[in-house]
Amino acid sequence: MATMIAVAMVTILLLHKTRCDSSEAAVNGYLKSFAGKRRLQQDVVTNIGSSKTNFGRQEDMLRMLYEAMHGVFISAEISLQSHSFTTTSPFPTHNQDLLESLSLIYENCALFADLY
């Protein structure tokens, strides 16, 4: 399931790419960065799952991750709303704050799917 969600997210990114208001190189750079962050996240999930620590410790680590992700989602949502960003808006390579907020949502959605 996590793989399907990650594929769907890359598809969304590619659809944004077709409506991009800036250079293709900027979007390709973002996609490479996203792929690199995904590999790091997958390593973290693998380490949590294969950790030799007790179940209670794993549960605590997951709870901390979920709480942190929730805060990230709230903060990013507020930022996107303040910029009037919608799903039909072009990919925001011209606005670093907006791009960062969108990136955090994509990355944390994928991480959440991996943890689930």
Protein backbone atom coordinates (compact mmCIF):
# COMPACT_ATOMS: atom_id res chain seq x y z
CA MET A 1 0.00 0.00 0.00
CA ALA A 2 2.80 2.42 0.85
CA THR A 3 4.34 1.85 -2.56
CA MET A 4 1.02 2.62 -4.25
CA ILE A 5 0.72 5.87 -2.30
CA ALA A 6 4.29 6.86 -3.16
CA VAL A 7 3.58 6.16 -6.85
CA ALA A 8 0.41 8.25 -6.64
CA MET A 9 2.34 11.10 -5.08
CA VAL A 10 4.99 11.04 -7.81
CA THR A 11 2.16 11.06 -10.35
CA ILE A 12 0.73 14.15 -8.67
CA LEU A 13 4.15 15.79 -8.81
CA LEU A 14 4.44 14.98 -12.50
CA LEU A 15 0.97 16.42 -13.15
CA HIS A 16 2.07 19.58 -11.35
CA LYS A 17 5.12 19.57 -13.60
CA THR A 18 2.90 19.88 -16.66
CA ARG A 19 1.35 23.05 -15.19
CA CYS A 20 4.67 24.43 -14.02
CA ASP A 21 5.21 28.16 -14.30
CA SER A 22 8.98 27.91 -14.23
CA SER A 23 11.80 25.90 -15.76
CA GLU A 24 11.65 22.17 -16.21
CA ALA A 25 15.10 21.96 -14.64
CA ALA A 26 13.76 23.39 -11.37
CA VAL A 27 10.99 20.82 -11.22
CA ASN A 28 13.35 17.98 -12.12
CA GLY A 29 15.67 19.14 -9.34
CA TYR A 30 12.77 19.06 -6.92
CA LEU A 31 11.79 15.54 -8.02
CA LYS A 32 15.36 14.32 -7.47
CA SER A 33 15.41 15.92 -4.03
CA PHE A 34 12.06 14.33 -3.19
CA ALA A 35 13.35 10.90 -4.27
CA GLY A 36 16.42 11.33 -2.05
CA LYS A 37 14.31 12.27 0.97
CA ARG A 38 12.03 9.30 0.31
CA ARG A 39 15.03 6.93 0.44
CA LEU A 40 16.06 8.39 3.79
CA GLN A 41 12.52 8.06 5.14
CA GLN A 42 12.30 4.46 3.98
CA ASP A 43 15.57 3.72 5.79
CA VAL A 44 14.13 5.21 8.99
CA VAL A 45 10.97 3.09 8.68
CA THR A 46 13.05 -0.03 8.05
CA ASN A 47 15.22 0.72 11.08
CA ILE A 48 12.18 1.22 13.31
CA GLY A 49 10.63 -2.03 12.09
CA SER A 50 13.78 -4.08 12.47
CA SER A 51 14.88 -2.46 15.71
CA LYS A 52 15.80 -4.89 18.44
CA THR A 53 14.29 -2.57 21.03
CA ASN A 54 11.17 -3.65 22.82
CA PHE A 55 7.68 -3.05 21.47
CA GLY A 56 7.02 -0.23 23.95
CA ARG A 57 10.05 1.68 22.67
CA GLN A 58 8.93 1.24 19.06
CA GLU A 59 5.47 2.46 20.02
CA ASP A 60 6.97 5.54 21.70
CA MET A 61 9.09 6.31 18.63
CA LEU A 62 6.07 5.99 16.35
CA ARG A 63 3.95 8.18 18.61
CA MET A 64 6.62 10.89 18.55
CA LEU A 65 6.83 10.67 14.76
CA TYR A 66 3.05 10.93 14.36
CA GLU A 67 2.88 13.93 16.69
CA ALA A 68 5.68 15.66 14.79
CA MET A 69 4.03 14.89 11.45
CA HIS A 70 0.72 16.28 12.70
CA GLY A 71 2.42 19.56 13.61
CA VAL A 72 4.08 19.69 10.19
CA PHE A 73 0.73 19.12 8.45
CA ILE A 74 -0.97 21.90 10.42
CA SER A 75 1.85 24.38 9.81
CA ALA A 76 2.09 23.55 6.09
CA GLU A 77 -1.68 23.76 5.67
CA ILE A 78 -1.73 27.24 7.21
CA SER A 79 1.09 28.34 4.90
CA LEU A 80 -0.62 26.96 1.79
CA GLN A 81 -3.90 28.61 2.74
CA SER A 82 -2.20 31.95 3.39
CA HIS A 83 -0.82 31.84 -0.17
CA SER A 84 -4.23 30.79 -1.58
CA PHE A 85 -2.62 27.65 -3.01
CA THR A 86 -5.06 25.10 -4.45
CA THR A 87 -4.70 21.78 -6.21
CA THR A 88 -5.07 23.57 -9.55
CA SER A 89 -2.31 26.08 -8.81
CA PRO A 90 0.91 25.75 -10.82
CA PHE A 91 3.89 24.05 -9.20
CA PRO A 92 5.34 26.77 -6.93
CA THR A 93 9.03 26.84 -7.84
CA HIS A 94 8.94 30.67 -7.74
CA ASN A 95 8.01 30.84 -4.05
CA GLN A 96 10.38 29.02 -1.69
CA ASP A 97 8.05 29.19 1.33
CA LEU A 98 5.17 27.75 -0.66
CA LEU A 99 7.38 25.06 -2.21
CA GLU A 100 8.68 24.06 1.23
CA SER A 101 5.14 23.77 2.62
CA LEU A 102 3.99 21.65 -0.30
CA SER A 103 7.11 19.50 -0.04
CA LEU A 104 6.52 18.87 3.64
CA ILE A 105 2.99 17.67 2.94
CA TYR A 106 4.12 15.33 0.16
CA GLU A 107 7.03 13.95 2.18
CA ASN A 108 5.02 13.43 5.35
CA CYS A 109 2.13 11.78 3.49
CA ALA A 110 4.59 9.30 2.02
CA LEU A 111 6.23 8.73 5.42
CA PHE A 112 2.85 8.19 7.04
CA ALA A 113 1.98 5.59 4.39
CA ASP A 114 5.29 3.80 5.03
CA LEU A 115 4.66 3.72 8.76
CA TYR A 116 1.11 2.50 8.33
